[in-house]
């Protein structure tokens, strides 16, 4: 039986983000609170700073913040680069738009791969970077006529300057717009131009093609 490569979905950061739990925070060298329903004033602060402000220990601080979200700094840059470079790895943001102080991956994932990892570091060519976030994803999930630029396909297109594109979102200022993105089209309609949304919403729910389902 022929072995199939394992496809991965990765975002280009050394920190992850999800709900706040004691187990996650306990195993993280650094934890930043992204939101807290009962104590929203602590959004954007480290758990260590929150504990000091509350004058309590780890377990009590986590409990008093609940429900809450957090960013966990516990990955190594070498590992991130190794996973990104792996041929079957797809690029995805996995962003959480409802967070009051979200992970910068929500705003910076794709320009970070294009600018930092492809252009500046040279981890892989620009064409590979684009394929990892478009065509490869469409193939893996069975989205017909997506992720390619050709006649008859859906016109989902991002126009960017390869010399200037870069992420600007940081953990301190996670909602900062990227540079070098000229325009974005969804299904042939311009949804982003000159640094702002056009207000158009031509997106639709995508379903796997029957052919992809049959071969999955």
N, C-alpha and C. Protein backbone atom coordinates (compact mmCIF):
# COMPACT_ATOMS: atom_id res chain seq x y z
N UNK A 1 0.84 -1.19 0.00
CA UNK A 1 0.00 0.00 0.00
C UNK A 1 0.88 1.25 0.00
N UNK A 2 0.61 2.17 -0.93
CA UNK A 2 1.41 3.38 -1.04
C UNK A 2 1.11 4.34 0.10
N UNK A 3 2.20 4.83 0.73
CA UNK A 3 2.03 5.76 1.82
C UNK A 3 1.66 7.14 1.29
N UNK A 4 0.73 7.81 1.99
CA UNK A 4 0.30 9.14 1.62
C UNK A 4 0.90 10.15 2.58
N UNK A 5 1.39 11.29 2.07
CA UNK A 5 1.94 12.31 2.96
C UNK A 5 0.87 12.90 3.85
N UNK A 6 1.28 13.27 5.05
CA UNK A 6 0.35 13.89 5.99
C UNK A 6 0.31 15.39 5.72
N UNK A 7 -0.88 15.92 5.42
CA UNK A 7 -1.03 17.34 5.18
C UNK A 7 -1.25 18.08 6.50
N UNK A 8 -0.55 19.18 6.67
CA UNK A 8 -0.64 19.97 7.89
C UNK A 8 -1.19 21.35 7.58
N UNK A 9 -1.83 21.95 8.57
CA UNK A 9 -2.32 23.32 8.46
C UNK A 9 -1.60 24.13 9.53
N UNK A 10 -0.84 25.13 9.11
CA UNK A 10 0.05 25.82 10.04
C UNK A 10 -0.07 27.34 9.89
N UNK A 11 0.07 28.07 11.00
CA UNK A 11 0.19 29.52 10.93
C UNK A 11 1.60 29.90 11.39
N UNK A 12 2.16 30.99 10.87
CA UNK A 12 3.59 31.29 11.03
C UNK A 12 3.97 32.05 12.30
N UNK A 13 3.65 31.48 13.44
CA UNK A 13 3.97 32.13 14.72
C UNK A 13 4.41 31.09 15.74
N UNK A 14 5.15 31.54 16.74
CA UNK A 14 5.62 30.65 17.79
C UNK A 14 4.65 30.58 18.97
N UNK A 15 3.51 31.23 18.85
CA UNK A 15 2.51 31.21 19.91
C UNK A 15 1.17 30.76 19.35
N UNK A 16 0.41 30.02 20.16
CA UNK A 16 -0.92 29.56 19.77
C UNK A 16 -1.96 30.38 20.52
N UNK A 17 -3.23 30.17 20.18
CA UNK A 17 -4.30 30.91 20.84
C UNK A 17 -5.57 30.07 20.91
N UNK A 18 -6.18 30.03 22.08
CA UNK A 18 -7.44 29.32 22.27
C UNK A 18 -8.03 29.79 23.60
N UNK A 19 -8.96 29.03 24.15
CA UNK A 19 -9.53 29.42 25.43
C UNK A 19 -8.50 29.25 26.55
N UNK A 20 -8.69 29.97 27.62
CA UNK A 20 -7.78 29.89 28.76
C UNK A 20 -8.11 28.65 29.59
N UNK A 21 -7.11 27.80 29.77
CA UNK A 21 -7.25 26.65 30.67
C UNK A 21 -6.00 26.55 31.54
N UNK A 22 -6.16 25.97 32.70
CA UNK A 22 -5.03 25.83 33.62
C UNK A 22 -3.95 24.95 33.02
N UNK A 23 -4.34 23.86 32.34
CA UNK A 23 -3.37 22.94 31.76
C UNK A 23 -2.53 23.62 30.68
N UNK A 24 -3.19 24.39 29.79
CA UNK A 24 -2.45 25.08 28.75
C UNK A 24 -1.49 26.11 29.36
N UNK A 25 -1.98 26.90 30.28
CA UNK A 25 -1.17 27.96 30.88
C UNK A 25 -0.01 27.40 31.71
N UNK A 26 -0.26 26.29 32.37
CA UNK A 26 0.76 25.69 33.22
C UNK A 26 1.97 25.23 32.40
N UNK A 27 1.72 24.81 31.16
CA UNK A 27 2.78 24.31 30.30
C UNK A 27 3.30 25.36 29.32
N UNK A 28 2.96 26.62 29.56
CA UNK A 28 3.39 27.71 28.68
C UNK A 28 4.33 28.65 29.44
N UNK A 29 5.54 28.89 28.92
CA UNK A 29 6.45 29.83 29.58
C UNK A 29 5.87 31.22 29.73
N UNK A 30 4.99 31.61 28.78
CA UNK A 30 4.36 32.92 28.83
C UNK A 30 2.94 32.80 28.30
N UNK A 31 1.98 33.38 29.04
CA UNK A 31 0.58 33.36 28.64
C UNK A 31 0.02 34.78 28.69
N UNK A 32 -0.63 35.19 27.59
CA UNK A 32 -1.24 36.52 27.52
C UNK A 32 -2.76 36.36 27.42
N UNK A 33 -3.49 37.06 28.25
CA UNK A 33 -4.95 37.00 28.24
C UNK A 33 -5.48 37.82 27.05
N UNK A 34 -6.34 37.21 26.22
CA UNK A 34 -6.90 37.94 25.07
C UNK A 34 -8.27 38.51 25.38
N UNK A 35 -9.02 37.86 26.25
CA UNK A 35 -10.32 38.36 26.68
C UNK A 35 -10.74 37.65 27.95
N UNK A 36 -11.60 38.29 28.70
CA UNK A 36 -12.16 37.71 29.92
C UNK A 36 -13.54 38.32 30.14
N UNK A 37 -14.53 37.49 30.22
CA UNK A 37 -15.90 38.00 30.40
C UNK A 37 -16.07 38.73 31.74
N UNK A 38 -15.67 38.15 32.86
CA UNK A 38 -15.89 38.85 34.13
C UNK A 38 -14.87 39.96 34.41
N UNK A 39 -13.66 39.85 33.79
CA UNK A 39 -12.60 40.82 34.07
C UNK A 39 -11.95 41.31 32.77
N UNK A 40 -12.70 42.03 31.94
CA UNK A 40 -12.19 42.46 30.63
C UNK A 40 -11.00 43.41 30.71
N UNK A 41 -10.78 44.02 31.87
CA UNK A 41 -9.67 44.98 32.00
C UNK A 41 -8.30 44.30 31.89
N UNK A 42 -8.28 42.97 32.00
CA UNK A 42 -7.00 42.27 31.93
C UNK A 42 -6.65 41.78 30.53
N UNK A 43 -7.47 42.08 29.53
CA UNK A 43 -7.16 41.70 28.15
C UNK A 43 -5.86 42.37 27.71
N UNK A 44 -4.96 41.59 27.14
CA UNK A 44 -3.68 42.11 26.68
C UNK A 44 -2.57 42.00 27.70
N UNK A 45 -2.87 41.57 28.92
CA UNK A 45 -1.86 41.45 29.96
C UNK A 45 -1.41 40.00 30.13
N UNK A 46 -0.18 39.82 30.58
CA UNK A 46 0.30 38.46 30.82
C UNK A 46 -0.37 37.90 32.07
N UNK A 47 -0.44 36.59 32.13
CA UNK A 47 -1.05 35.95 33.29
C UNK A 47 -0.25 36.26 34.56
N UNK A 48 1.07 36.36 34.44
CA UNK A 48 1.90 36.70 35.60
C UNK A 48 1.54 38.09 36.14
N UNK A 49 1.32 39.05 35.23
CA UNK A 49 0.94 40.40 35.66
C UNK A 49 -0.45 40.40 36.29
N UNK A 50 -1.34 39.59 35.74
CA UNK A 50 -2.70 39.49 36.29
C UNK A 50 -2.65 38.92 37.71
N UNK A 51 -1.84 37.90 37.90
CA UNK A 51 -1.71 37.30 39.22
C UNK A 51 -1.20 38.32 40.23
N UNK A 52 -0.23 39.14 39.81
CA UNK A 52 0.33 40.16 40.69
C UNK A 52 -0.72 41.22 41.01
N UNK A 53 -1.49 41.64 40.00
CA UNK A 53 -2.52 42.66 40.21
C UNK A 53 -3.62 42.15 41.12
N UNK A 54 -3.96 40.87 40.98
CA UNK A 54 -5.02 40.28 41.81
C UNK A 54 -4.51 39.92 43.21
N UNK A 55 -3.20 39.75 43.33
CA UNK A 55 -2.65 39.34 44.61
C UNK A 55 -3.01 37.91 44.97
N UNK A 56 -3.02 37.05 43.96
CA UNK A 56 -3.39 35.65 44.20
C UNK A 56 -2.49 34.73 43.40
N UNK A 57 -2.68 33.42 43.59
CA UNK A 57 -1.88 32.42 42.91
C UNK A 57 -2.43 32.05 41.54
N UNK A 58 -1.73 31.12 40.90
CA UNK A 58 -2.05 30.70 39.54
C UNK A 58 -3.47 30.14 39.41
N UNK A 59 -3.82 29.16 40.19
CA UNK A 59 -5.11 28.49 40.07
C UNK A 59 -6.27 29.47 40.28
N UNK A 60 -6.16 30.32 41.28
CA UNK A 60 -7.24 31.27 41.56
C UNK A 60 -7.38 32.29 40.44
N UNK A 61 -6.25 32.77 39.91
CA UNK A 61 -6.30 33.76 38.83
C UNK A 61 -7.00 33.18 37.60
N UNK A 62 -6.63 31.96 37.22
CA UNK A 62 -7.26 31.32 36.06
C UNK A 62 -8.75 31.15 36.28
N UNK A 63 -9.13 30.74 37.48
CA UNK A 63 -10.54 30.53 37.80
C UNK A 63 -11.33 31.84 37.77
N UNK A 64 -10.76 32.91 38.31
CA UNK A 64 -11.47 34.18 38.36
C UNK A 64 -11.62 34.82 36.97
N UNK A 65 -10.72 34.51 36.06
CA UNK A 65 -10.78 35.07 34.72
C UNK A 65 -11.83 34.39 33.83
N UNK A 66 -12.24 33.19 34.20
CA UNK A 66 -13.13 32.40 33.35
C UNK A 66 -14.54 32.99 33.22
N UNK A 67 -15.12 32.83 31.97
CA UNK A 67 -14.49 32.30 30.75
C UNK A 67 -13.57 33.32 30.13
N UNK A 68 -12.50 32.82 29.50
CA UNK A 68 -11.48 33.71 28.96
C UNK A 68 -10.73 33.03 27.83
N UNK A 69 -9.96 33.83 27.10
CA UNK A 69 -9.11 33.32 26.04
C UNK A 69 -7.67 33.71 26.31
N UNK A 70 -6.73 33.05 25.65
CA UNK A 70 -5.32 33.34 25.91
C UNK A 70 -4.44 32.98 24.72
N UNK A 71 -3.29 33.63 24.66
CA UNK A 71 -2.22 33.30 23.72
C UNK A 71 -1.12 32.62 24.51
N UNK A 72 -0.64 31.49 23.98
CA UNK A 72 0.37 30.69 24.69
C UNK A 72 1.67 30.67 23.90
N UNK A 73 2.73 31.21 24.50
CA UNK A 73 4.04 31.23 23.85
C UNK A 73 4.82 29.98 24.27
N UNK A 74 4.83 28.97 23.41
CA UNK A 74 5.51 27.74 23.80
C UNK A 74 6.05 26.94 22.62
N UNK A 75 6.28 27.60 21.49
CA UNK A 75 6.88 26.92 20.33
C UNK A 75 8.22 27.55 19.99
N UNK A 76 9.05 26.82 19.25
CA UNK A 76 10.37 27.30 18.87
C UNK A 76 10.36 27.69 17.39
N UNK A 77 11.02 28.78 17.06
CA UNK A 77 11.04 29.28 15.68
C UNK A 77 11.58 28.24 14.70
N UNK A 78 12.59 27.48 15.10
CA UNK A 78 13.15 26.46 14.21
C UNK A 78 12.09 25.43 13.82
N UNK A 79 11.25 25.06 14.78
CA UNK A 79 10.18 24.09 14.49
C UNK A 79 9.12 24.70 13.57
N UNK A 80 8.80 25.97 13.79
CA UNK A 80 7.82 26.64 12.93
C UNK A 80 8.31 26.65 11.49
N UNK A 81 9.57 26.99 11.29
CA UNK A 81 10.12 27.03 9.94
C UNK A 81 10.17 25.64 9.31
N UNK A 82 10.51 24.65 10.09
CA UNK A 82 10.57 23.28 9.58
C UNK A 82 9.20 22.81 9.11
N UNK A 83 8.16 23.13 9.87
CA UNK A 83 6.81 22.72 9.51
C UNK A 83 6.31 23.50 8.30
N UNK A 84 6.59 24.81 8.26
CA UNK A 84 6.17 25.62 7.12
C UNK A 84 6.81 25.13 5.83
N UNK A 85 8.06 24.71 5.90
CA UNK A 85 8.80 24.29 4.71
C UNK A 85 8.37 22.91 4.23
N UNK A 86 7.81 22.10 5.10
CA UNK A 86 7.35 20.75 4.74
C UNK A 86 6.40 20.86 3.55
N UNK A 87 6.66 20.12 2.48
CA UNK A 87 5.95 20.29 1.21
C UNK A 87 4.43 20.23 1.35
N UNK A 88 3.83 19.27 2.09
CA UNK A 88 2.35 19.22 2.16
C UNK A 88 1.71 20.19 3.15
N UNK A 89 2.49 21.09 3.75
CA UNK A 89 1.93 22.02 4.73
C UNK A 89 1.15 23.14 4.06
N UNK A 90 -0.12 23.30 4.47
CA UNK A 90 -0.95 24.40 4.02
C UNK A 90 -0.83 25.56 5.01
N UNK A 91 -1.03 26.78 4.54
CA UNK A 91 -1.00 27.95 5.41
C UNK A 91 -2.43 28.35 5.76
N UNK A 92 -2.71 28.47 7.04
CA UNK A 92 -4.03 28.90 7.49
C UNK A 92 -3.88 29.81 8.69
N UNK A 93 -4.80 30.76 8.84
CA UNK A 93 -4.68 31.71 9.96
C UNK A 93 -5.31 31.16 11.24
N UNK A 94 -6.40 30.40 11.10
CA UNK A 94 -7.12 29.88 12.26
C UNK A 94 -7.43 31.01 13.25
N UNK A 95 -7.71 32.20 12.72
CA UNK A 95 -7.91 33.37 13.56
C UNK A 95 -9.24 33.37 14.29
N UNK A 96 -9.28 34.08 15.42
CA UNK A 96 -10.48 34.18 16.25
C UNK A 96 -10.94 35.64 16.26
N UNK A 97 -11.81 36.04 15.32
CA UNK A 97 -12.16 37.46 15.17
C UNK A 97 -12.95 38.05 16.33
N UNK A 98 -13.52 37.20 17.21
CA UNK A 98 -14.32 37.75 18.31
C UNK A 98 -13.47 38.18 19.49
N UNK A 99 -12.17 37.80 19.50
CA UNK A 99 -11.32 38.17 20.62
C UNK A 99 -11.12 39.69 20.69
N UNK A 100 -11.15 40.24 21.90
CA UNK A 100 -10.93 41.67 22.08
C UNK A 100 -9.47 42.04 21.80
N UNK A 101 -8.55 41.14 22.09
CA UNK A 101 -7.13 41.34 21.84
C UNK A 101 -6.61 40.08 21.15
N UNK A 102 -6.95 39.89 19.86
CA UNK A 102 -6.71 38.62 19.20
C UNK A 102 -5.24 38.33 18.92
N UNK A 103 -4.98 37.10 18.57
CA UNK A 103 -3.66 36.69 18.10
C UNK A 103 -3.40 37.44 16.79
N UNK A 104 -2.17 37.96 16.55
CA UNK A 104 -1.89 38.69 15.31
C UNK A 104 -2.02 37.85 14.05
N UNK A 105 -2.14 36.53 14.20
CA UNK A 105 -2.32 35.67 13.03
C UNK A 105 -3.58 36.03 12.25
N UNK A 106 -4.58 36.60 12.95
CA UNK A 106 -5.83 36.96 12.30
C UNK A 106 -5.60 37.99 11.21
N UNK A 107 -4.67 38.93 11.43
CA UNK A 107 -4.41 40.02 10.51
C UNK A 107 -3.11 39.82 9.72
N UNK A 108 -2.21 38.98 10.21
CA UNK A 108 -0.88 38.95 9.61
C UNK A 108 -0.39 37.67 9.00
N UNK A 109 -1.14 36.58 9.10
CA UNK A 109 -0.65 35.28 8.65
C UNK A 109 -0.11 35.28 7.22
N UNK A 110 -0.94 35.61 6.28
CA UNK A 110 -0.56 35.46 4.87
C UNK A 110 0.50 36.46 4.42
N UNK A 111 0.40 37.76 4.75
CA UNK A 111 1.49 38.66 4.38
C UNK A 111 2.80 38.32 5.10
N UNK A 112 2.71 37.72 6.28
CA UNK A 112 3.92 37.31 7.00
C UNK A 112 4.65 36.19 6.25
N UNK A 113 3.89 35.24 5.73
CA UNK A 113 4.50 34.16 4.96
C UNK A 113 5.11 34.70 3.67
N UNK A 114 4.36 35.57 2.98
CA UNK A 114 4.84 36.14 1.72
C UNK A 114 6.07 37.03 1.92
N UNK A 115 6.01 37.91 2.93
CA UNK A 115 7.08 38.88 3.12
C UNK A 115 8.24 38.38 3.95
N UNK A 116 7.95 37.88 5.13
CA UNK A 116 9.01 37.48 6.06
C UNK A 116 9.64 36.14 5.68
N UNK A 117 8.81 35.11 5.56
CA UNK A 117 9.37 33.77 5.36
C UNK A 117 9.80 33.49 3.92
N UNK A 118 9.07 34.01 2.93
CA UNK A 118 9.46 33.77 1.54
C UNK A 118 10.49 34.77 1.07
N UNK A 119 10.18 36.07 1.11
CA UNK A 119 11.08 37.08 0.57
C UNK A 119 12.32 37.31 1.43
N UNK A 120 12.12 37.57 2.73
CA UNK A 120 13.23 37.98 3.59
C UNK A 120 14.11 36.82 4.04
N UNK A 121 13.51 35.72 4.45
CA UNK A 121 14.29 34.57 4.93
C UNK A 121 14.65 33.63 3.79
N UNK A 122 13.81 33.57 2.75
CA UNK A 122 14.06 32.66 1.64
C UNK A 122 13.74 31.22 1.97
N UNK A 123 12.74 31.01 2.82
CA UNK A 123 12.38 29.65 3.23
C UNK A 123 11.87 28.84 2.05
N UNK A 124 11.16 29.50 1.13
CA UNK A 124 10.71 28.87 -0.11
C UNK A 124 10.38 29.99 -1.11
N UNK A 125 10.29 29.66 -2.41
CA UNK A 125 10.00 30.69 -3.43
C UNK A 125 8.61 31.28 -3.24
N UNK A 126 8.40 32.46 -3.82
CA UNK A 126 7.11 33.13 -3.72
C UNK A 126 5.99 32.25 -4.28
N UNK A 127 6.26 31.58 -5.39
CA UNK A 127 5.24 30.72 -6.00
C UNK A 127 4.81 29.61 -5.04
N UNK A 128 5.76 29.06 -4.30
CA UNK A 128 5.44 28.02 -3.32
C UNK A 128 4.61 28.58 -2.19
N UNK A 129 4.96 29.78 -1.74
CA UNK A 129 4.20 30.42 -0.66
C UNK A 129 2.75 30.62 -1.08
N UNK A 130 2.55 31.13 -2.28
CA UNK A 130 1.19 31.36 -2.77
C UNK A 130 0.43 30.04 -2.89
N UNK A 131 1.09 29.01 -3.43
CA UNK A 131 0.43 27.72 -3.60
C UNK A 131 0.02 27.12 -2.26
N UNK A 132 0.86 27.29 -1.23
CA UNK A 132 0.55 26.72 0.07
C UNK A 132 -0.70 27.33 0.70
N UNK A 133 -1.06 28.56 0.29
CA UNK A 133 -2.23 29.21 0.88
C UNK A 133 -3.41 29.31 -0.07
N UNK A 134 -3.29 28.70 -1.25
CA UNK A 134 -4.37 28.76 -2.23
C UNK A 134 -4.63 27.39 -2.86
N UNK A 135 -3.86 27.05 -3.88
CA UNK A 135 -4.08 25.82 -4.62
C UNK A 135 -3.99 24.56 -3.79
N UNK A 136 -3.00 24.48 -2.91
CA UNK A 136 -2.84 23.28 -2.08
C UNK A 136 -4.05 23.07 -1.18
N UNK A 137 -4.54 24.15 -0.59
CA UNK A 137 -5.71 24.07 0.28
C UNK A 137 -6.95 23.63 -0.50
N UNK A 138 -7.14 24.21 -1.69
CA UNK A 138 -8.28 23.85 -2.52
C UNK A 138 -8.23 22.38 -2.91
N UNK A 139 -7.04 21.88 -3.25
CA UNK A 139 -6.90 20.48 -3.61
C UNK A 139 -7.18 19.57 -2.43
N UNK A 140 -6.64 19.91 -1.28
CA UNK A 140 -6.78 19.06 -0.09
C UNK A 140 -8.24 18.97 0.36
N UNK A 141 -8.97 20.08 0.30
CA UNK A 141 -10.35 20.09 0.78
C UNK A 141 -11.38 19.87 -0.33
N UNK A 142 -10.91 19.71 -1.56
CA UNK A 142 -11.82 19.39 -2.64
C UNK A 142 -12.69 20.53 -3.10
N UNK A 143 -12.12 21.74 -3.17
CA UNK A 143 -12.87 22.91 -3.64
C UNK A 143 -12.62 23.09 -5.14
N UNK A 144 -13.57 22.69 -5.96
CA UNK A 144 -13.40 22.74 -7.41
C UNK A 144 -13.31 24.18 -7.90
N UNK A 145 -12.40 24.43 -8.85
CA UNK A 145 -12.24 25.73 -9.49
C UNK A 145 -11.86 26.84 -8.51
N UNK A 146 -11.21 26.48 -7.43
CA UNK A 146 -10.70 27.46 -6.46
C UNK A 146 -9.19 27.29 -6.35
N UNK A 147 -8.53 28.36 -5.95
CA UNK A 147 -7.09 28.28 -5.73
C UNK A 147 -6.25 28.29 -6.99
N UNK A 148 -6.86 28.58 -8.12
CA UNK A 148 -6.13 28.65 -9.40
C UNK A 148 -6.56 29.90 -10.15
N UNK A 149 -5.69 30.39 -11.03
CA UNK A 149 -6.03 31.53 -11.88
C UNK A 149 -6.09 31.01 -13.32
N UNK A 150 -7.27 30.83 -13.82
CA UNK A 150 -7.48 30.37 -15.18
C UNK A 150 -8.91 30.67 -15.61
N UNK A 151 -9.14 30.65 -16.88
CA UNK A 151 -10.47 30.91 -17.42
C UNK A 151 -11.46 29.87 -16.91
N UNK A 152 -12.61 30.34 -16.41
CA UNK A 152 -13.64 29.44 -15.91
C UNK A 152 -13.60 29.20 -14.42
N UNK A 153 -12.48 29.54 -13.77
CA UNK A 153 -12.38 29.37 -12.32
C UNK A 153 -12.95 30.59 -11.61
N UNK A 154 -13.27 30.43 -10.33
CA UNK A 154 -13.77 31.55 -9.55
C UNK A 154 -12.63 32.55 -9.32
N UNK A 155 -12.93 33.81 -9.51
CA UNK A 155 -11.90 34.85 -9.41
C UNK A 155 -11.71 35.29 -7.96
N UNK A 156 -11.04 34.45 -7.17
CA UNK A 156 -10.63 34.81 -5.81
C UNK A 156 -9.16 35.22 -5.91
N UNK A 157 -8.90 36.51 -5.92
CA UNK A 157 -7.56 37.01 -6.25
C UNK A 157 -7.13 38.10 -5.27
N UNK A 158 -5.87 38.01 -4.84
CA UNK A 158 -5.26 39.08 -4.04
C UNK A 158 -4.14 39.70 -4.84
N UNK A 159 -4.19 41.01 -5.01
CA UNK A 159 -3.13 41.74 -5.69
C UNK A 159 -2.21 42.35 -4.64
N UNK A 160 -0.94 41.98 -4.67
CA UNK A 160 0.01 42.49 -3.68
C UNK A 160 1.34 42.80 -4.33
N UNK A 161 2.12 43.65 -3.67
CA UNK A 161 3.45 44.01 -4.13
C UNK A 161 4.45 43.08 -3.47
N UNK A 162 5.12 42.20 -4.21
CA UNK A 162 6.03 41.24 -3.61
C UNK A 162 7.24 41.88 -2.93
N UNK A 163 7.55 43.12 -3.30
CA UNK A 163 8.70 43.80 -2.71
C UNK A 163 8.38 44.46 -1.37
N UNK A 164 7.10 44.72 -1.11
CA UNK A 164 6.73 45.46 0.11
C UNK A 164 5.76 44.71 1.02
N UNK A 165 5.13 43.66 0.54
CA UNK A 165 4.14 42.97 1.36
C UNK A 165 4.77 42.46 2.65
N UNK A 166 4.13 42.74 3.77
CA UNK A 166 4.64 42.31 5.08
C UNK A 166 3.55 42.49 6.13
N UNK A 167 3.58 41.65 7.14
CA UNK A 167 2.64 41.79 8.25
C UNK A 167 3.10 42.90 9.18
N UNK A 168 2.15 43.61 9.76
CA UNK A 168 2.45 44.67 10.73
C UNK A 168 1.79 44.39 12.08
N UNK A 169 0.93 43.40 12.13
CA UNK A 169 0.25 43.05 13.38
C UNK A 169 1.24 42.43 14.35
N UNK A 170 1.17 42.86 15.60
CA UNK A 170 2.03 42.33 16.65
C UNK A 170 1.15 41.84 17.81
N UNK A 171 1.75 41.19 18.77
CA UNK A 171 0.99 40.74 19.93
C UNK A 171 0.53 41.93 20.76
N UNK A 172 1.26 43.04 20.70
CA UNK A 172 0.87 44.24 21.41
C UNK A 172 -0.22 45.02 20.65
N UNK A 173 -0.13 45.02 19.32
CA UNK A 173 -1.09 45.71 18.46
C UNK A 173 -1.55 44.75 17.35
N UNK A 174 -2.39 43.78 17.70
CA UNK A 174 -2.72 42.68 16.79
C UNK A 174 -3.63 43.03 15.62
N UNK A 175 -4.25 44.21 15.63
CA UNK A 175 -5.18 44.57 14.57
C UNK A 175 -4.59 45.56 13.56
N UNK A 176 -3.26 45.66 13.52
CA UNK A 176 -2.60 46.57 12.60
C UNK A 176 -2.62 45.98 11.19
N UNK A 177 -3.03 46.80 10.21
CA UNK A 177 -3.12 46.33 8.83
C UNK A 177 -1.75 45.99 8.25
N UNK A 178 -1.74 45.00 7.36
CA UNK A 178 -0.52 44.64 6.65
C UNK A 178 -0.21 45.69 5.59
N UNK A 179 1.04 45.70 5.11
CA UNK A 179 1.44 46.58 4.02
C UNK A 179 1.58 45.77 2.73
N UNK A 180 1.40 46.47 1.61
CA UNK A 180 1.64 45.84 0.32
C UNK A 180 0.48 45.11 -0.31
N UNK A 181 -0.70 45.13 0.33
CA UNK A 181 -1.90 44.51 -0.24
C UNK A 181 -2.66 45.58 -1.01
N UNK A 182 -2.72 45.45 -2.32
CA UNK A 182 -3.35 46.47 -3.15
C UNK A 182 -4.86 46.29 -3.26
N UNK A 183 -5.29 45.07 -3.50
CA UNK A 183 -6.73 44.81 -3.67
C UNK A 183 -7.01 43.32 -3.47
N UNK A 184 -8.25 43.01 -3.08
CA UNK A 184 -8.69 41.63 -2.91
C UNK A 184 -10.02 41.46 -3.63
N UNK A 185 -10.12 40.40 -4.43
CA UNK A 185 -11.36 40.08 -5.13
C UNK A 185 -11.89 38.74 -4.63
N UNK A 186 -13.17 38.66 -4.41
CA UNK A 186 -13.85 37.42 -4.04
C UNK A 186 -14.94 37.17 -5.07
N UNK A 187 -14.85 36.02 -5.73
CA UNK A 187 -15.81 35.71 -6.80
C UNK A 187 -15.92 36.83 -7.83
N UNK A 188 -14.77 37.46 -8.12
CA UNK A 188 -14.72 38.49 -9.15
C UNK A 188 -15.12 39.88 -8.70
N UNK A 189 -15.50 40.03 -7.44
CA UNK A 189 -15.93 41.33 -6.91
C UNK A 189 -14.86 41.89 -5.98
N UNK A 190 -14.51 43.16 -6.14
CA UNK A 190 -13.50 43.78 -5.27
C UNK A 190 -14.09 44.00 -3.88
N UNK A 191 -13.45 43.40 -2.88
CA UNK A 191 -13.92 43.54 -1.50
C UNK A 191 -12.96 44.39 -0.65
N UNK A 192 -11.74 44.59 -1.15
CA UNK A 192 -10.74 45.39 -0.42
C UNK A 192 -9.92 46.18 -1.42
N UNK A 193 -9.80 47.50 -1.19
CA UNK A 193 -9.04 48.35 -2.10
C UNK A 193 -8.62 49.61 -1.37
N UNK A 194 -7.38 50.04 -1.63
CA UNK A 194 -6.84 51.26 -1.03
C UNK A 194 -6.94 51.26 0.50
N UNK A 195 -6.62 50.11 1.08
CA UNK A 195 -6.53 50.01 2.53
C UNK A 195 -7.83 49.93 3.29
N UNK A 196 -8.93 49.66 2.58
CA UNK A 196 -10.19 49.55 3.30
C UNK A 196 -11.18 48.65 2.56
N UNK A 197 -12.18 48.19 3.29
CA UNK A 197 -13.21 47.33 2.73
C UNK A 197 -14.13 48.14 1.81
N UNK A 198 -14.59 47.51 0.74
CA UNK A 198 -15.55 48.16 -0.15
C UNK A 198 -16.98 47.94 0.32
N UNK A 199 -17.16 47.05 1.27
CA UNK A 199 -18.50 46.75 1.76
C UNK A 199 -19.17 45.61 1.03
N UNK A 200 -18.60 45.16 -0.06
CA UNK A 200 -19.18 44.05 -0.83
C UNK A 200 -18.94 42.73 -0.09
N UNK A 201 -19.93 41.83 -0.16
CA UNK A 201 -19.82 40.54 0.51
C UNK A 201 -20.29 39.41 -0.43
N UNK A 202 -19.49 39.13 -1.47
CA UNK A 202 -19.89 38.12 -2.46
C UNK A 202 -19.47 36.70 -2.10
N UNK A 203 -18.97 36.50 -0.89
CA UNK A 203 -18.53 35.16 -0.49
C UNK A 203 -19.68 34.18 -0.37
N UNK A 204 -19.35 32.91 -0.37
CA UNK A 204 -20.36 31.87 -0.26
C UNK A 204 -19.78 30.67 0.47
N UNK A 205 -20.66 29.80 0.96
CA UNK A 205 -20.22 28.57 1.62
C UNK A 205 -19.65 27.62 0.57
N UNK A 206 -18.46 27.07 0.81
CA UNK A 206 -17.84 26.15 -0.12
C UNK A 206 -18.07 24.71 0.33
N UNK A 207 -18.36 23.85 -0.61
CA UNK A 207 -18.56 22.43 -0.33
C UNK A 207 -17.59 21.60 -1.16
N UNK A 208 -17.20 20.48 -0.63
CA UNK A 208 -16.29 19.59 -1.34
C UNK A 208 -16.96 19.05 -2.59
N UNK A 209 -16.18 18.90 -3.64
CA UNK A 209 -16.72 18.32 -4.87
C UNK A 209 -16.98 16.83 -4.66
N UNK A 210 -17.92 16.26 -5.40
CA UNK A 210 -18.22 14.84 -5.28
C UNK A 210 -17.03 13.96 -5.62
N UNK A 211 -16.22 14.41 -6.57
CA UNK A 211 -15.04 13.67 -6.95
C UNK A 211 -14.07 13.57 -5.79
N UNK A 212 -13.89 14.70 -5.07
CA UNK A 212 -12.98 14.71 -3.92
C UNK A 212 -13.50 13.81 -2.82
N UNK A 213 -14.83 13.83 -2.59
CA UNK A 213 -15.42 12.99 -1.55
C UNK A 213 -15.24 11.51 -1.88
N UNK A 214 -15.33 11.18 -3.16
CA UNK A 214 -15.21 9.78 -3.58
C UNK A 214 -13.79 9.23 -3.39
N UNK A 215 -12.81 10.14 -3.49
CA UNK A 215 -11.41 9.69 -3.38
C UNK A 215 -10.83 9.92 -1.99
N UNK A 216 -11.62 10.54 -1.08
CA UNK A 216 -11.09 10.84 0.25
C UNK A 216 -10.93 9.57 1.07
